[in-house]
Amino acid sequence: MSNSSLQGLSLALPLTSFGNVLMFLFSVSLAFSIIFLNMSVCVSILLNRAMRSENRFMYMLSTCFSDICSGVSYYYAGVLDVKDDIDSPTGTYYVVPTFLGLSYMAILAAQADRYHAVVSPFQYSRRMTRNRTVVVICGYWLYAFLIVTANNLVPLGVARQITGIGTFVSNIFTVIIMIGLNIKLFIIARFQLEKEPPSVERDTKRSSVYLILVVAMFFLATWLPLFCHVVVCNLSGSECFTFKNEGTDPVRILPRVNAALTPILYICGCSPLRATLLTKVWRPCCRRR
């Protein structure tokens, strides 16, 4: 992304028609919604000591932070005429796609965390302390940016091979793992937890499992078109049709829509988070105004 390319940037679509204006407003509103909603969830978790002590909220915090970065970057990648490819002069050196990938890894890790917590609660409580959970989160953040650094240090041809093969393989395996965990978690929530005697702990387990199930389902619904597009393009061996820029490509807009949906699902599906958000974040802000 050179200075000359930045100087020549224009909007993703010229504001010459009503449809283009609507698309511009949608992109700006989407970026704002992603930042506002995820920031609200982040602040709520940070203000509540009880939530900060639970591993599942640490994964929520990780997801929301990466989505905030995605929202901020969408003012550039989605609103302006940007093609975020390897050799594009308006590219972001893999940084913007990495923030989206970090949300993906966080949701996958949260699924595995809930599965371990429900299937082996005693081993989970002994092994997965909050510090170890933080280490896991820092680990996949570090791994993601090590890949970014490696791709930017090697020649362009090698970077294309790493990105193409790595994305192709990881998409197939991680989607299969995510779908498999979804099925197992549904079976556990539907049959195993229902057999336990009624208690606050059982209700907490069940609500947390159902929440990550719904989050993962929406995630798959919004990401599968992009995954399928990548897989088909890799298997076909020919160049697939591409849109002019990121802001007009529907398969790349959908993951950003998911970045706004995820905090809404967190708020609707988690009563402690919702209570903290309403009493400590939004209500004080409204009173000040």
Protein backbone atom coordinates (compact mmCIF):
# COMPACT_ATOMS: atom_id res chain seq x y z
CA MET A 1 0.00 0.00 0.00
CA SER A 2 2.07 2.90 -1.28
CA ASN A 3 1.49 6.65 -0.87
CA SER A 4 0.66 7.00 -4.56
CA SER A 5 -2.02 4.32 -4.33
CA LEU A 6 -3.54 6.01 -1.28
CA GLN A 7 -3.68 9.37 -3.05
CA GLY A 8 -5.55 7.85 -5.99
CA LEU A 9 -8.19 6.07 -3.90
CA SER A 10 -11.86 6.77 -4.52
CA LEU A 11 -15.08 5.39 -3.08
CA ALA A 12 -15.99 1.78 -3.79
CA LEU A 13 -18.84 3.04 -5.99
CA PRO A 14 -19.25 6.56 -7.40
CA LEU A 15 -22.17 8.40 -5.80
CA THR A 16 -23.90 8.86 -9.14
CA SER A 17 -27.04 6.84 -8.48
CA PHE A 18 -29.46 6.18 -5.65
CA GLY A 19 -28.35 2.55 -5.42
CA ASN A 20 -24.69 3.55 -5.10
CA VAL A 21 -25.55 6.03 -2.34
CA LEU A 22 -27.44 3.30 -0.47
CA MET A 23 -24.46 0.97 -0.83
CA PHE A 24 -22.14 3.66 0.53
CA LEU A 25 -24.43 4.28 3.51
CA PHE A 26 -24.68 0.53 4.13
CA SER A 27 -20.88 0.15 4.20
CA VAL A 28 -20.41 3.10 6.57
CA SER A 29 -23.26 1.91 8.82
CA LEU A 30 -21.92 -1.65 8.85
CA ALA A 31 -18.45 -0.50 9.91
CA PHE A 32 -19.95 1.69 12.65
CA SER A 33 -22.23 -1.10 13.89
CA ILE A 34 -19.35 -3.58 14.07
CA ILE A 35 -17.25 -1.17 16.15
CA PHE A 36 -20.08 0.03 18.42
CA LEU A 37 -21.58 -3.39 19.23
CA ASN A 38 -18.27 -5.17 19.78
CA MET A 39 -16.88 -2.29 21.82
CA SER A 40 -20.01 -2.40 24.01
CA VAL A 41 -19.49 -6.13 24.68
CA CYS A 42 -15.77 -5.63 25.37
CA VAL A 43 -16.39 -2.84 27.89
CA SER A 44 -19.14 -4.87 29.59
CA ILE A 45 -16.84 -7.87 30.10
CA LEU A 46 -13.96 -5.69 31.32
CA LEU A 47 -16.24 -3.97 33.86
CA ASN A 48 -17.53 -7.23 35.33
CA ARG A 49 -15.02 -9.14 37.48
CA ALA A 50 -17.15 -12.30 37.56
CA MET A 51 -17.26 -12.47 33.77
CA ARG A 52 -13.54 -11.81 33.48
CA SER A 53 -12.91 -14.90 35.63
CA GLU A 54 -14.75 -17.24 33.20
CA ASN A 55 -12.94 -18.69 30.20
CA ARG A 56 -15.89 -18.37 27.82
CA PHE A 57 -15.91 -14.60 28.27
CA MET A 58 -12.21 -14.46 27.46
CA TYR A 59 -13.01 -16.00 24.06
CA MET A 60 -15.85 -13.50 23.65
CA LEU A 61 -13.38 -10.71 24.41
CA SER A 62 -10.95 -12.06 21.81
CA THR A 63 -13.68 -12.34 19.17
CA CYS A 64 -14.95 -8.84 19.85
CA PHE A 65 -11.48 -7.29 19.79
CA SER A 66 -10.63 -8.82 16.42
CA ASP A 67 -14.04 -7.74 15.10
CA ILE A 68 -13.43 -4.18 16.30
CA CYS A 69 -10.23 -4.20 14.24
CA SER A 70 -12.25 -5.56 11.29
CA GLY A 71 -14.81 -2.76 11.71
CA VAL A 72 -12.16 -0.05 11.81
CA SER A 73 -10.40 -1.52 8.76
CA TYR A 74 -13.71 -1.74 6.85
CA TYR A 75 -13.78 2.05 6.59
CA TYR A 76 -10.79 1.53 4.33
CA ALA A 77 -11.33 -1.91 2.78
CA GLY A 78 -15.11 -1.66 2.34
CA VAL A 79 -15.91 2.01 1.84
CA LEU A 80 -13.05 2.83 -0.54
CA ASP A 81 -12.10 1.29 -3.87
CA VAL A 82 -9.79 -1.37 -2.44
CA LYS A 83 -8.87 -4.81 -3.73
CA ASP A 84 -7.12 -6.58 -0.88
CA ASP A 85 -5.12 -9.09 -2.92
CA ILE A 86 -1.52 -10.19 -2.60
CA ASP A 87 -0.16 -8.02 -5.39
CA SER A 88 -2.73 -5.21 -5.20
CA PRO A 89 -1.32 -1.69 -4.72
CA THR A 90 -4.21 -0.99 -2.32
CA GLY A 91 -3.70 -4.20 -0.32
CA THR A 92 -3.15 -4.27 3.44
CA TYR A 93 -0.27 -6.79 3.56
CA TYR A 94 -2.68 -9.53 4.77
CA VAL A 95 -3.52 -7.60 7.96
CA VAL A 96 -7.24 -6.99 7.33
CA PRO A 97 -8.03 -10.61 6.31
CA THR A 98 -6.08 -11.75 9.39
CA PHE A 99 -8.50 -9.95 11.71
CA LEU A 100 -11.36 -11.88 10.11
CA GLY A 101 -9.42 -15.12 10.48
CA LEU A 102 -8.80 -14.40 14.16
CA SER A 103 -12.56 -14.21 14.76
CA TYR A 104 -12.83 -17.59 13.06
CA MET A 105 -10.14 -19.10 15.29
CA ALA A 106 -11.70 -17.59 18.42
CA ILE A 107 -15.12 -19.13 17.72
CA LEU A 108 -13.54 -22.50 16.92
CA ALA A 109 -11.51 -22.36 20.15
CA ALA A 110 -14.62 -21.37 22.12
CA GLN A 111 -16.47 -24.39 20.70
CA ALA A 112 -13.65 -26.72 21.78
CA ASP A 113 -13.58 -25.02 25.19
CA ARG A 114 -17.33 -25.56 25.78
CA TYR A 115 -17.07 -29.17 24.58
CA HIS A 116 -14.22 -29.88 27.00
CA ALA A 117 -16.02 -28.08 29.86
CA VAL A 118 -19.21 -30.13 29.46
CA VAL A 119 -17.73 -33.54 28.62
CA SER A 120 -14.91 -33.49 31.20
CA PRO A 121 -15.83 -30.85 33.80
CA PHE A 122 -13.39 -32.01 36.48
CA GLN A 123 -10.40 -32.22 34.14
CA TYR A 124 -11.43 -28.92 32.56
CA SER A 125 -11.56 -27.06 35.87
CA ARG A 126 -8.11 -28.41 36.77
CA ARG A 127 -6.42 -27.88 33.41
CA MET A 128 -8.02 -24.83 31.82
CA THR A 129 -7.33 -22.01 34.25
CA ARG A 130 -7.90 -18.45 33.12
CA ASN A 131 -4.15 -17.93 32.66
CA ARG A 132 -3.94 -20.97 30.36
CA THR A 133 -6.93 -19.72 28.42
CA VAL A 134 -5.20 -16.36 27.96
CA VAL A 135 -2.09 -18.24 26.75
CA VAL A 136 -4.22 -20.12 24.18
CA ILE A 137 -5.73 -16.84 22.95
CA CYS A 138 -2.33 -15.13 22.76
CA GLY A 139 -1.01 -18.22 20.98
CA TYR A 140 -3.39 -18.08 18.03
CA TRP A 141 -3.01 -14.28 17.77
CA LEU A 142 0.77 -14.72 17.64
CA TYR A 143 0.48 -17.58 15.13
CA ALA A 144 -1.76 -15.48 12.85
CA PHE A 145 0.64 -12.55 12.72
CA LEU A 146 3.67 -14.81 12.31
CA ILE A 147 2.00 -16.09 9.13
CA VAL A 148 1.38 -12.47 8.07
CA THR A 149 5.06 -11.63 8.68
CA ALA A 150 6.23 -14.72 6.78
CA ASN A 151 4.00 -13.91 3.79
CA ASN A 152 5.37 -10.38 3.62
CA LEU A 153 9.02 -11.48 3.83
CA VAL A 154 9.00 -14.16 1.13
CA PRO A 155 8.80 -13.48 -2.64
CA LEU A 156 5.37 -12.89 -4.18
CA GLY A 157 5.22 -16.30 -5.89
CA VAL A 158 6.00 -18.15 -2.66
CA ALA A 159 3.44 -16.02 -0.78
CA ARG A 160 0.79 -16.98 -3.34
CA GLN A 161 1.56 -20.68 -2.85
CA ILE A 162 1.52 -20.42 0.96
CA THR A 163 -1.75 -18.49 0.94
CA GLY A 164 -3.42 -20.68 -1.68
CA ILE A 165 -2.49 -24.08 -0.22
CA GLY A 166 -2.78 -22.97 3.42
CA THR A 167 -6.17 -21.35 2.96
CA PHE A 168 -7.50 -24.28 0.96
CA VAL A 169 -6.44 -26.94 3.48
CA SER A 170 -7.34 -24.96 6.60
CA ASN A 171 -10.77 -24.03 5.25
CA ILE A 172 -11.73 -27.64 4.57
CA PHE A 173 -10.45 -29.10 7.85
CA THR A 174 -11.59 -26.33 10.18
CA VAL A 175 -15.09 -26.19 8.68
CA ILE A 176 -15.40 -29.97 9.12
CA ILE A 177 -14.19 -29.64 12.74
CA MET A 178 -16.60 -26.78 13.42
CA ILE A 179 -19.58 -28.67 11.98
CA GLY A 180 -18.57 -31.80 13.92
CA LEU A 181 -18.29 -29.85 17.19
CA ASN A 182 -21.66 -28.24 16.50
CA ILE A 183 -23.30 -31.66 16.14
CA LYS A 184 -21.62 -33.02 19.28
CA LEU A 185 -22.49 -29.93 21.31
CA PHE A 186 -26.12 -30.11 20.17
CA ILE A 187 -26.33 -33.77 21.22
CA ILE A 188 -24.79 -32.94 24.60
CA ALA A 189 -27.11 -29.97 25.19
CA ARG A 190 -30.19 -31.83 23.99
CA PHE A 191 -29.70 -35.18 25.73
CA GLN A 192 -26.84 -35.28 28.25
CA LEU A 193 -27.52 -32.01 30.12
CA GLU A 194 -31.26 -32.63 30.20
CA LYS A 195 -30.66 -35.77 32.27
CA GLU A 196 -28.84 -33.86 35.01
CA PRO A 197 -30.89 -32.66 38.03
CA PRO A 198 -32.03 -29.03 37.80
CA SER A 199 -29.42 -26.61 39.14
CA VAL A 200 -27.88 -23.24 38.43
CA GLU A 201 -24.73 -24.95 37.13
CA ARG A 202 -26.72 -27.06 34.66
CA ASP A 203 -28.60 -24.02 33.39
CA THR A 204 -25.34 -22.09 32.98
CA LYS A 205 -23.74 -24.97 31.07
CA ARG A 206 -26.76 -25.38 28.83
CA SER A 207 -27.09 -21.67 28.04
CA SER A 208 -23.37 -21.36 27.27
CA VAL A 209 -23.49 -24.41 24.97
CA TYR A 210 -26.59 -23.18 23.15
CA LEU A 211 -25.05 -19.72 22.77
CA ILE A 212 -21.85 -20.97 21.13
CA LEU A 213 -23.99 -23.29 18.96
CA VAL A 214 -26.04 -20.39 17.63
CA VAL A 215 -22.94 -18.21 17.17
CA ALA A 216 -21.18 -20.98 15.23
CA MET A 217 -24.27 -21.63 13.07
CA PHE A 218 -24.53 -17.97 12.07
CA PHE A 219 -20.79 -17.93 11.51
CA LEU A 220 -20.97 -20.89 9.14
CA ALA A 221 -23.98 -19.40 7.31
CA THR A 222 -22.11 -16.17 6.58
CA TRP A 223 -18.67 -17.69 5.93
CA LEU A 224 -19.49 -20.80 3.91
CA PRO A 225 -20.07 -18.83 0.66
CA LEU A 226 -16.53 -17.43 0.95
CA PHE A 227 -15.09 -20.84 1.89
CA CYS A 228 -16.85 -22.51 -1.05
CA HIS A 229 -15.63 -19.79 -3.39
CA VAL A 230 -12.02 -20.30 -2.24
CA VAL A 231 -12.26 -24.10 -2.49
CA VAL A 232 -13.85 -24.06 -5.96
CA CYS A 233 -11.27 -21.58 -7.24
CA ASN A 234 -8.42 -23.72 -5.89
CA LEU A 235 -9.84 -26.95 -7.32
CA SER A 236 -10.75 -25.54 -10.73
CA GLY A 237 -7.24 -24.29 -11.41
CA SER A 238 -8.60 -21.33 -13.36
CA GLU A 239 -9.10 -17.73 -12.33
CA CYS A 240 -12.53 -17.20 -10.79
CA PHE A 241 -14.73 -14.18 -11.37
CA THR A 242 -13.87 -11.37 -8.97
CA PHE A 243 -15.69 -8.16 -8.15
CA LYS A 244 -14.13 -4.77 -8.62
CA ASN A 245 -13.42 -4.23 -4.92
CA GLU A 246 -14.10 -5.54 -1.42
CA GLY A 247 -17.07 -3.24 -0.83
CA THR A 248 -19.08 -4.68 -3.73
CA ASP A 249 -18.21 -8.37 -3.28
CA PRO A 250 -21.13 -10.10 -1.48
CA VAL A 251 -19.10 -13.14 -0.36
CA ARG A 252 -16.66 -10.77 1.38
CA ILE A 253 -19.36 -8.54 2.81
CA LEU A 254 -21.10 -11.47 4.55
CA PRO A 255 -18.23 -12.14 7.04
CA ARG A 256 -18.37 -8.45 8.01
CA VAL A 257 -22.13 -8.78 8.57
CA ASN A 258 -21.31 -11.70 10.87
CA ALA A 259 -18.93 -9.43 12.81
CA ALA A 260 -21.96 -7.26 13.65
CA LEU A 261 -24.26 -10.24 14.32
CA THR A 262 -21.93 -12.01 16.78
CA PRO A 263 -22.08 -9.36 19.57
CA ILE A 264 -25.87 -9.17 19.15
CA LEU A 265 -26.05 -12.92 19.71
CA TYR A 266 -23.78 -12.61 22.74
CA ILE A 267 -26.01 -9.90 24.22
CA CYS A 268 -29.26 -11.76 23.53
CA GLY A 269 -28.00 -15.15 24.70
CA CYS A 270 -26.06 -14.22 27.84
CA SER A 271 -28.06 -12.64 30.68
CA PRO A 272 -25.04 -11.53 32.83
CA LEU A 273 -23.53 -9.78 29.82
CA ARG A 274 -26.86 -8.16 28.92
CA ALA A 275 -27.43 -6.96 32.50
CA THR A 276 -23.94 -5.45 32.72
CA LEU A 277 -24.30 -3.80 29.32
CA LEU A 278 -27.63 -2.18 30.20
CA THR A 279 -26.75 -1.07 33.74
CA LYS A 280 -23.06 -0.15 33.48
CA VAL A 281 -22.43 0.78 29.85
CA TRP A 282 -25.46 2.01 27.92
CA ARG A 283 -27.59 3.48 30.75
CA PRO A 284 -24.82 5.68 32.23
CA CYS A 285 -24.00 6.95 28.74
CA CYS A 286 -27.65 7.84 28.12
CA ARG A 287 -27.88 9.65 31.47
CA ARG A 288 -24.84 11.77 30.67
CA ARG A 289 -26.44 12.88 27.43
